[in-house]
Structure formats: structure tokens, C-alpha cells
C-alpha atoms as a PDB file:
ATOM      1  CA  MET A   1      46.499  17.398 -39.662  1.00  0.00           C
ATOM      2  CA  ALA A   2      47.770  14.511 -41.768  1.00  0.00           C
ATOM      3  CA  SER A   3      51.181  14.798 -40.164  1.00  0.00           C
ATOM      4  CA  ALA A   4      49.693  14.671 -36.665  1.00  0.00           C
ATOM      5  CA  PHE A   5      47.597  11.655 -37.672  1.00  0.00           C
ATOM      6  CA  ARG A   6      50.724   9.935 -39.058  1.00  0.00           C
ATOM      7  CA  GLN A   7      52.557  10.555 -35.770  1.00  0.00           C
ATOM      8  CA  HIS A   8      49.571   9.167 -33.877  1.00  0.00           C
ATOM      9  CA  LEU A   9      49.649   5.979 -35.960  1.00  0.00           C
ATOM     10  CA  LEU A  10      53.411   5.618 -35.513  1.00  0.00           C
ATOM     11  CA  ALA A  11      53.012   6.017 -31.752  1.00  0.00           C
ATOM     12  CA  ARG A  12      50.479   3.184 -31.839  1.00  0.00           C
ATOM     13  CA  GLY A  13      53.043   0.809 -33.333  1.00  0.00           C
ATOM     14  CA  HIS A  14      52.299   1.003 -37.069  1.00  0.00           C
ATOM     15  CA  HIS A  15      55.240   0.930 -39.475  1.00  0.00           C
ATOM     16  CA  CYS A  16      56.080   4.061 -41.468  1.00  0.00           C
ATOM     17  CA  LYS A  17      56.436   2.166 -44.788  1.00  0.00           C
ATOM     18  CA  ASP A  18      52.825   0.926 -44.483  1.00  0.00           C
ATOM     19  CA  ILE A  19      51.452   4.300 -43.432  1.00  0.00           C
ATOM     20  CA  ASP A  20      53.358   6.299 -46.041  1.00  0.00           C
ATOM     21  CA  SER A  21      52.123   4.141 -48.923  1.00  0.00           C
ATOM     22  CA  ILE A  22      48.518   4.648 -47.804  1.00  0.00           C
ATOM     23  CA  PHE A  23      49.022   8.401 -47.403  1.00  0.00           C
ATOM     24  CA  LEU A  24      50.624   8.660 -50.868  1.00  0.00           C
ATOM     25  CA  ALA A  25      47.786   6.692 -52.462  1.00  0.00           C
ATOM     26  CA  ALA A  26      45.247   9.000 -50.772  1.00  0.00           C
ATOM     27  CA  ALA A  27      47.135  12.101 -51.959  1.00  0.00           C
ATOM     28  CA  HIS A  28      47.186  10.808 -55.550  1.00  0.00           C
ATOM     29  CA  HIS A  29      43.472  10.057 -55.332  1.00  0.00           C
ATOM     30  CA  ILE A  30      42.709  13.581 -54.079  1.00  0.00           C
ATOM     31  CA  ASP A  31      44.900  15.167 -56.766  1.00  0.00           C
ATOM     32  CA  ALA A  32      43.250  13.122 -59.520  1.00  0.00           C
ATOM     33  CA  ALA A  33      39.685  13.882 -58.415  1.00  0.00           C
ATOM     34  CA  PRO A  34      37.936  16.573 -60.470  1.00  0.00           C
ATOM     35  CA  GLU A  35      37.142  19.750 -58.594  1.00  0.00           C
ATOM     36  CA  ARG A  36      33.519  20.153 -57.633  1.00  0.00           C
ATOM     37  CA  PRO A  37      31.960  23.542 -58.259  1.00  0.00           C
ATOM     38  CA  SER A  38      30.788  25.256 -55.107  1.00  0.00           C
ATOM     39  CA  SER A  39      27.041  25.599 -54.884  1.00  0.00           C
ATOM     40  CA  ASN A  40      25.045  28.305 -53.162  1.00  0.00           C
ATOM     41  CA  ALA A  41      23.679  25.749 -50.701  1.00  0.00           C
ATOM     42  CA  ARG A  42      27.174  24.971 -49.456  1.00  0.00           C
ATOM     43  CA  ALA A  43      28.132  28.627 -49.220  1.00  0.00           C
ATOM     44  CA  ALA A  44      25.034  29.580 -47.213  1.00  0.00           C
ATOM     45  CA  PRO A  45      25.649  29.856 -43.469  1.00  0.00           C
ATOM     46  CA  LYS A  46      24.097  27.156 -41.347  1.00  0.00           C
ATOM     47  CA  LEU A  47      22.489  27.437 -37.953  1.00  0.00           C
ATOM     48  CA  PHE A  48      22.710  24.408 -35.657  1.00  0.00           C
ATOM     49  CA  LEU A  49      20.532  23.882 -32.615  1.00  0.00           C
ATOM     50  CA  HIS A  50      21.906  21.116 -30.401  1.00  0.00           C
ATOM     51  CA  TRP A  51      19.102  19.700 -28.306  1.00  0.00           C
ATOM     52  CA  GLU A  52      19.045  16.837 -25.827  1.00  0.00           C
ATOM     53  CA  TYR A  53      16.384  14.359 -26.925  1.00  0.00           C
ATOM     54  CA  HIS A  54      13.360  13.750 -24.750  1.00  0.00           C
ATOM     55  CA  PRO A  55      10.316  11.773 -25.966  1.00  0.00           C
ATOM     56  CA  LYS A  56       7.884  14.449 -24.718  1.00  0.00           C
ATOM     57  CA  ASP A  57       9.670  17.399 -26.345  1.00  0.00           C
ATOM     58  CA  LEU A  58       8.298  19.459 -29.186  1.00  0.00           C
ATOM     59  CA  PRO A  59       8.595  17.822 -32.599  1.00  0.00           C
ATOM     60  CA  ARG A  60      11.366  19.051 -34.880  1.00  0.00           C
ATOM     61  CA  GLN A  61       8.870  20.604 -37.322  1.00  0.00           C
ATOM     62  CA  HIS A  62       7.287  22.630 -34.519  1.00  0.00           C
ATOM     63  CA  ILE A  63      10.662  24.001 -33.396  1.00  0.00           C
ATOM     64  CA  ARG A  64      11.478  24.936 -36.998  1.00  0.00           C
ATOM     65  CA  SER A  65       8.144  26.725 -37.477  1.00  0.00           C
ATOM     66  CA  LEU A  66       8.619  28.637 -34.194  1.00  0.00           C
ATOM     67  CA  PHE A  67      12.061  29.716 -35.407  1.00  0.00           C
ATOM     68  CA  ASN A  68      10.624  30.866 -38.733  1.00  0.00           C
ATOM     69  CA  GLU A  69       7.819  32.823 -37.015  1.00  0.00           C
ATOM     70  CA  THR A  70       9.896  34.518 -34.327  1.00  0.00           C
ATOM     71  CA  CYS A  71      13.613  34.610 -35.126  1.00  0.00           C
ATOM     72  CA  SER A  72      13.612  34.898 -38.911  1.00  0.00           C
ATOM     73  CA  PRO A  73      11.713  38.222 -39.093  1.00  0.00           C
ATOM     74  CA  THR A  74      13.884  39.757 -36.374  1.00  0.00           C
ATOM     75  CA  LEU A  75      17.124  38.579 -37.938  1.00  0.00           C
ATOM     76  CA  SER A  76      16.056  39.743 -41.397  1.00  0.00           C
ATOM     77  CA  ARG A  77      15.745  43.310 -40.039  1.00  0.00           C
ATOM     78  CA  ALA A  78      19.053  43.141 -38.158  1.00  0.00           C
ATOM     79  CA  LYS A  79      22.278  44.694 -39.431  1.00  0.00           C
ATOM     80  CA  THR A  80      25.844  43.515 -38.981  1.00  0.00           C
ATOM     81  CA  VAL A  81      28.663  45.784 -37.814  1.00  0.00           C
ATOM     82  CA  LYS A  82      29.376  46.612 -41.464  1.00  0.00           C
ATOM     83  CA  GLY A  83      25.700  47.441 -42.067  1.00  0.00           C
ATOM     84  CA  ASN A  84      24.846  44.275 -44.017  1.00  0.00           C
ATOM     85  CA  THR A  85      21.811  42.096 -43.467  1.00  0.00           C
ATOM     86  CA  PRO A  86      22.915  38.765 -41.935  1.00  0.00           C
ATOM     87  CA  GLN A  87      22.393  35.770 -44.160  1.00  0.00           C
ATOM     88  CA  LEU A  88      20.122  33.140 -42.683  1.00  0.00           C
ATOM     89  CA  GLY A  89      20.996  29.633 -43.656  1.00  0.00           C
ATOM     90  CA  ARG A  90      19.183  26.429 -43.052  1.00  0.00           C
ATOM     91  CA  LEU A  91      18.254  25.567 -39.462  1.00  0.00           C
ATOM     92  CA  THR A  92      19.475  22.120 -38.463  1.00  0.00           C
ATOM     93  CA  ILE A  93      18.186  20.590 -35.245  1.00  0.00           C
ATOM     94  CA  ALA A  94      20.639  18.022 -33.920  1.00  0.00           C
ATOM     95  CA  TYR A  95      19.481  15.742 -31.137  1.00  0.00           C
ATOM     96  CA  SER A  96      21.781  14.049 -28.654  1.00  0.00           C
ATOM     97  CA  LYS A  97      20.782  11.257 -26.349  1.00  0.00           C
ATOM     98  CA  PRO A  98      20.667  12.039 -22.647  1.00  0.00           C
ATOM     99  CA  LYS A  99      23.344  10.531 -20.440  1.00  0.00           C
ATOM    100  CA  SER A 100      22.320   7.302 -18.799  1.00  0.00           C
ATOM    101  CA  ILE A 101      23.669   5.671 -15.672  1.00  0.00           C
ATOM    102  CA  GLY A 102      25.528   3.262 -17.958  1.00  0.00           C
ATOM    103  CA  ASN A 103      27.399   6.185 -19.566  1.00  0.00           C
ATOM    104  CA  THR A 104      28.605   7.245 -16.142  1.00  0.00           C
ATOM    105  CA  LEU A 105      29.505   3.795 -14.791  1.00  0.00           C
ATOM    106  CA  CYS A 106      30.983   2.265 -17.959  1.00  0.00           C
ATOM    107  CA  GLN A 107      33.099   4.893 -19.643  1.00  0.00           C
ATOM    108  CA  THR A 108      34.718   3.653 -22.839  1.00  0.00           C
ATOM    109  CA  LYS A 109      37.322   6.375 -23.221  1.00  0.00           C
ATOM    110  CA  MET A 110      40.697   5.178 -22.036  1.00  0.00           C
ATOM    111  CA  THR A 111      43.599   7.527 -21.487  1.00  0.00           C
ATOM    112  CA  GLU A 112      47.292   6.765 -21.513  1.00  0.00           C
ATOM    113  CA  PRO A 113      49.674   8.183 -18.918  1.00  0.00           C
ATOM    114  CA  ASN A 114      51.867  11.028 -20.160  1.00  0.00           C
ATOM    115  CA  GLY A 115      54.903   9.781 -22.060  1.00  0.00           C
ATOM    116  CA  GLN A 116      53.718   6.167 -22.157  1.00  0.00           C
ATOM    117  CA  ASN A 117      52.070   4.340 -25.049  1.00  0.00           C
ATOM    118  CA  VAL A 118      50.188   1.075 -24.858  1.00  0.00           C
ATOM    119  CA  SER A 119      51.943   0.006 -28.065  1.00  0.00           C
ATOM    120  CA  ASP A 120      55.289   0.126 -26.209  1.00  0.00           C
ATOM    121  CA  TYR A 121      54.018  -2.401 -23.653  1.00  0.00           C
ATOM    122  CA  ILE A 122      52.576  -4.639 -26.368  1.00  0.00           C
ATOM    123  CA  ARG A 123      55.891  -4.566 -28.248  1.00  0.00           C
ATOM    124  CA  THR A 124      57.759  -5.467 -25.023  1.00  0.00           C
ATOM    125  CA  LEU A 125      55.391  -8.358 -24.307  1.00  0.00           C
ATOM    126  CA  SER A 126      55.560  -9.717 -27.846  1.00  0.00           C
ATOM    127  CA  THR A 127      59.386  -9.718 -27.915  1.00  0.00           C
ATOM    128  CA  ALA A 128      59.806 -11.179 -24.419  1.00  0.00           C
ATOM    129  CA  THR A 129      60.488 -14.883 -24.291  1.00  0.00           C
ATOM    130  CA  PRO A 130      57.951 -16.866 -22.306  1.00  0.00           C
ATOM    131  CA  SER A 131      59.264 -18.403 -19.108  1.00  0.00           C
ATOM    132  CA  PRO A 132      58.967 -22.220 -18.710  1.00  0.00           C
END
């Protein structure tokens, strides 16, 4: 992943000597950091419910209590393929905002044509001599 990120930065016009020094400093920092013991909370599986926000929807607490009343008892009696009881982690309800007309009309994601980088054009413009 780091290698792909480095290539991405190089394609955007950054210099390898600048990037490499930052990557090396980050690697030294990671190596020097003490290892954190894993806790049971991190090891527990998590269940995410992605929900589009609406002001008149059920409150988060109500959704969680409905899950605990209906799904938890059923899942606690269930068995996996190996015959184990599935571990129920914490339920996280993640809201996303609904798309607006502005999201459709004013998209911010820009794509580059295949094989062409914006940084190449910027480099060409910055090295070109201005005409009188």
C-alpha cells in the first residue's frame, strides 16, 4: 500500500528524495512505537448498520433496542457451520446524509484521462517560456 501511495505521489509531480525521507521517518516512528496489547473490545466482531439519515426516522437508541430485542436472541441460539455460537459484537449505526441536488449538479470528483496526469501539464506550463 505504501508503495502504491509513493507511486501516486510521484505521478503527481512530487520528488522522490522528499517522499522517501518522509516515508523513512514514518517507518522509524512505527518501529520505535511500543506495541499495544490487544484488548477484547478490539477483537470482538462489530456489526455496522449503514442508514441514510432522515429527520423523522427512529432514534438511534430505538433501533439499538429493537436489535437487542429481536436479533440478539435469535443470533445467540444460532450455530455456525463449525457448530459454534456466533459472537455478537457491538452494533454501530452509521448515518449518511441523503444526496442533494447539489451533489448531483456539482460533483467534486475529477478524473484524469488514461495515461495522462495533470502534473505533466503543470510541469509543461511551468517550464514553457511566456510569449511576449
